[in-house]
């Protein structure tokens, strides 16, 4: 779809991709390890995929979670697939820390504190290297 932002652009900083899906780092200053697993073709819902594709996509979501855990060592990981604003199948993989601005609320919930997490200058390289060794 030409008007879909995830069909016409990467959707973040590209860390890994194959012919089926890609993983990008979202531009979220409060959540520097916020990743998205994005299906490469335009599909709205998980049930639009055949079973093998669903399994493949969920396996990539799990691998993405593992990469984030290994690289960032968060207190918790949040997974979400919403698509209300951008109805293109994608999953959010969000590292959460007890001192992040919204914890324990969802990242889209009420902000509870003003904090920011230091981001290593080579975070993208660390994440990409972890993907390349895992996938």
Protein backbone atom coordinates (compact mmCIF):
# COMPACT_ATOMS: atom_id res chain seq x y z
CA UNK A 1 0.00 0.00 0.00
CA UNK A 2 1.49 3.30 -1.06
CA UNK A 3 0.02 5.26 1.88
CA UNK A 4 1.26 2.81 4.53
CA UNK A 5 4.29 4.20 6.39
CA UNK A 6 5.62 0.67 7.03
CA UNK A 7 5.36 -0.24 3.34
CA UNK A 8 7.06 2.94 2.13
CA UNK A 9 9.77 3.32 4.82
CA UNK A 10 11.75 1.07 7.17
CA UNK A 11 9.89 2.25 10.30
CA UNK A 12 13.08 2.92 12.28
CA UNK A 13 16.80 2.20 12.17
CA UNK A 14 17.24 -1.09 10.37
CA UNK A 15 19.09 -3.68 12.46
CA UNK A 16 18.28 -6.93 10.64
CA UNK A 17 16.12 -8.17 7.77
CA UNK A 18 15.36 -11.04 5.48
CA UNK A 19 12.77 -11.48 2.74
CA UNK A 20 9.97 -12.04 5.30
CA UNK A 21 10.43 -9.41 8.00
CA UNK A 22 12.74 -6.79 9.44
CA UNK A 23 13.75 -5.54 12.87
CA UNK A 24 14.19 -1.83 13.46
CA UNK A 25 14.99 0.35 16.42
CA UNK A 26 12.26 2.91 16.98
CA UNK A 27 13.10 6.55 17.58
CA UNK A 28 11.85 6.65 21.17
CA UNK A 29 14.16 8.77 23.32
CA UNK A 30 12.72 7.44 26.60
CA UNK A 31 13.07 3.83 25.38
CA UNK A 32 16.33 3.46 23.43
CA UNK A 33 15.99 -0.32 23.02
CA UNK A 34 12.40 -0.13 21.71
CA UNK A 35 12.41 -2.45 18.70
CA UNK A 36 9.80 -3.32 16.10
CA UNK A 37 9.49 -6.58 14.21
CA UNK A 38 7.76 -5.64 10.96
CA UNK A 39 6.34 -7.97 8.35
CA UNK A 40 7.72 -6.92 4.95
CA UNK A 41 4.43 -7.24 3.07
CA UNK A 42 1.25 -5.37 3.92
CA UNK A 43 -0.94 -7.50 6.16
CA UNK A 44 -3.24 -6.21 8.90
CA UNK A 45 -3.75 -9.12 11.30
CA UNK A 46 -1.94 -12.25 12.50
CA UNK A 47 -4.84 -14.38 11.25
CA UNK A 48 -4.22 -13.06 7.72
CA UNK A 49 -1.06 -15.19 7.77
CA UNK A 50 -0.95 -18.92 7.20
CA UNK A 51 0.08 -20.96 10.23
CA UNK A 52 3.70 -21.34 9.12
CA UNK A 53 4.03 -17.56 8.65
CA UNK A 54 2.50 -16.90 12.07
CA UNK A 55 5.01 -19.27 13.62
CA UNK A 56 7.89 -17.69 11.73
CA UNK A 57 6.89 -14.18 12.79
CA UNK A 58 6.43 -15.16 16.43
CA UNK A 59 9.81 -16.91 16.39
CA UNK A 60 11.35 -13.64 15.23
CA UNK A 61 9.54 -11.74 17.99
CA UNK A 62 10.99 -14.20 20.52
CA UNK A 63 14.48 -13.89 19.03
CA UNK A 64 14.15 -10.12 19.19
CA UNK A 65 13.15 -10.33 22.83
CA UNK A 66 16.22 -12.47 23.52
CA UNK A 67 18.51 -10.00 21.76
CA UNK A 68 17.12 -7.12 23.82
CA UNK A 69 17.50 -9.12 27.03
CA UNK A 70 21.08 -10.09 26.20
CA UNK A 71 22.20 -6.60 25.16
CA UNK A 72 20.23 -4.34 27.51
CA UNK A 73 19.50 -6.50 30.58
CA UNK A 74 16.05 -4.95 31.27
CA UNK A 75 13.93 -5.69 34.33
CA UNK A 76 11.03 -6.71 32.06
CA UNK A 77 10.12 -6.93 28.37
CA UNK A 78 6.79 -5.72 27.01
CA UNK A 79 5.42 -7.18 23.77
CA UNK A 80 2.59 -5.52 21.90
CA UNK A 81 0.90 -5.71 18.53
CA UNK A 82 -1.61 -2.89 18.19
CA UNK A 83 -1.86 -1.48 14.69
CA UNK A 84 -4.66 0.96 15.44
CA UNK A 85 -2.74 3.87 13.94
CA UNK A 86 -0.66 1.90 11.42
CA UNK A 87 -2.63 -1.21 10.35
CA UNK A 88 0.44 -3.04 9.06
CA UNK A 89 1.40 -6.14 11.03
CA UNK A 90 4.24 -5.34 13.42
CA UNK A 91 5.23 -6.19 16.97
CA UNK A 92 6.74 -3.87 19.57
CA UNK A 93 9.49 -5.32 21.75
CA UNK A 94 10.11 -2.87 24.57
CA UNK A 95 12.73 -3.19 27.30
CA UNK A 96 11.42 -1.91 30.61
CA UNK A 97 13.39 -0.76 33.62
CA UNK A 98 12.05 -0.10 37.11
CA UNK A 99 13.24 3.53 36.82
CA UNK A 100 11.89 4.24 33.32
CA UNK A 101 9.47 7.17 32.92
CA UNK A 102 6.28 5.06 32.92
CA UNK A 103 7.10 1.92 34.92
CA UNK A 104 5.03 0.03 35.95
CA UNK A 105 2.51 1.63 33.59
CA UNK A 106 2.53 0.86 29.85
CA UNK A 107 4.89 3.08 27.85
CA UNK A 108 1.82 4.76 26.37
CA UNK A 109 0.30 5.32 29.84
CA UNK A 110 0.70 8.02 32.43
CA UNK A 111 4.25 9.26 32.87
CA UNK A 112 5.32 8.81 36.48
CA UNK A 113 8.81 10.31 36.57
CA UNK A 114 11.32 12.27 34.55
CA UNK A 115 14.22 9.95 33.85
CA UNK A 116 16.23 8.99 30.86
CA UNK A 117 18.46 6.01 30.28
CA UNK A 118 21.98 6.50 29.00
CA UNK A 119 22.33 5.05 25.53
CA UNK A 120 25.62 3.46 24.50
CA UNK A 121 26.92 5.17 21.36
CA UNK A 122 27.16 1.77 19.69
CA UNK A 123 23.72 0.43 20.72
CA UNK A 124 22.64 -0.20 17.12
CA UNK A 125 25.89 -2.07 16.42
CA UNK A 126 25.50 -4.15 19.59
CA UNK A 127 21.92 -5.08 18.69
CA UNK A 128 22.78 -5.84 15.05
CA UNK A 129 25.70 -8.03 16.10
CA UNK A 130 23.45 -9.92 18.53
CA UNK A 131 20.93 -10.51 15.73
CA UNK A 132 23.59 -11.73 13.35
CA UNK A 133 24.86 -14.24 15.92
CA UNK A 134 21.36 -15.45 16.86
CA UNK A 135 19.51 -15.57 13.55
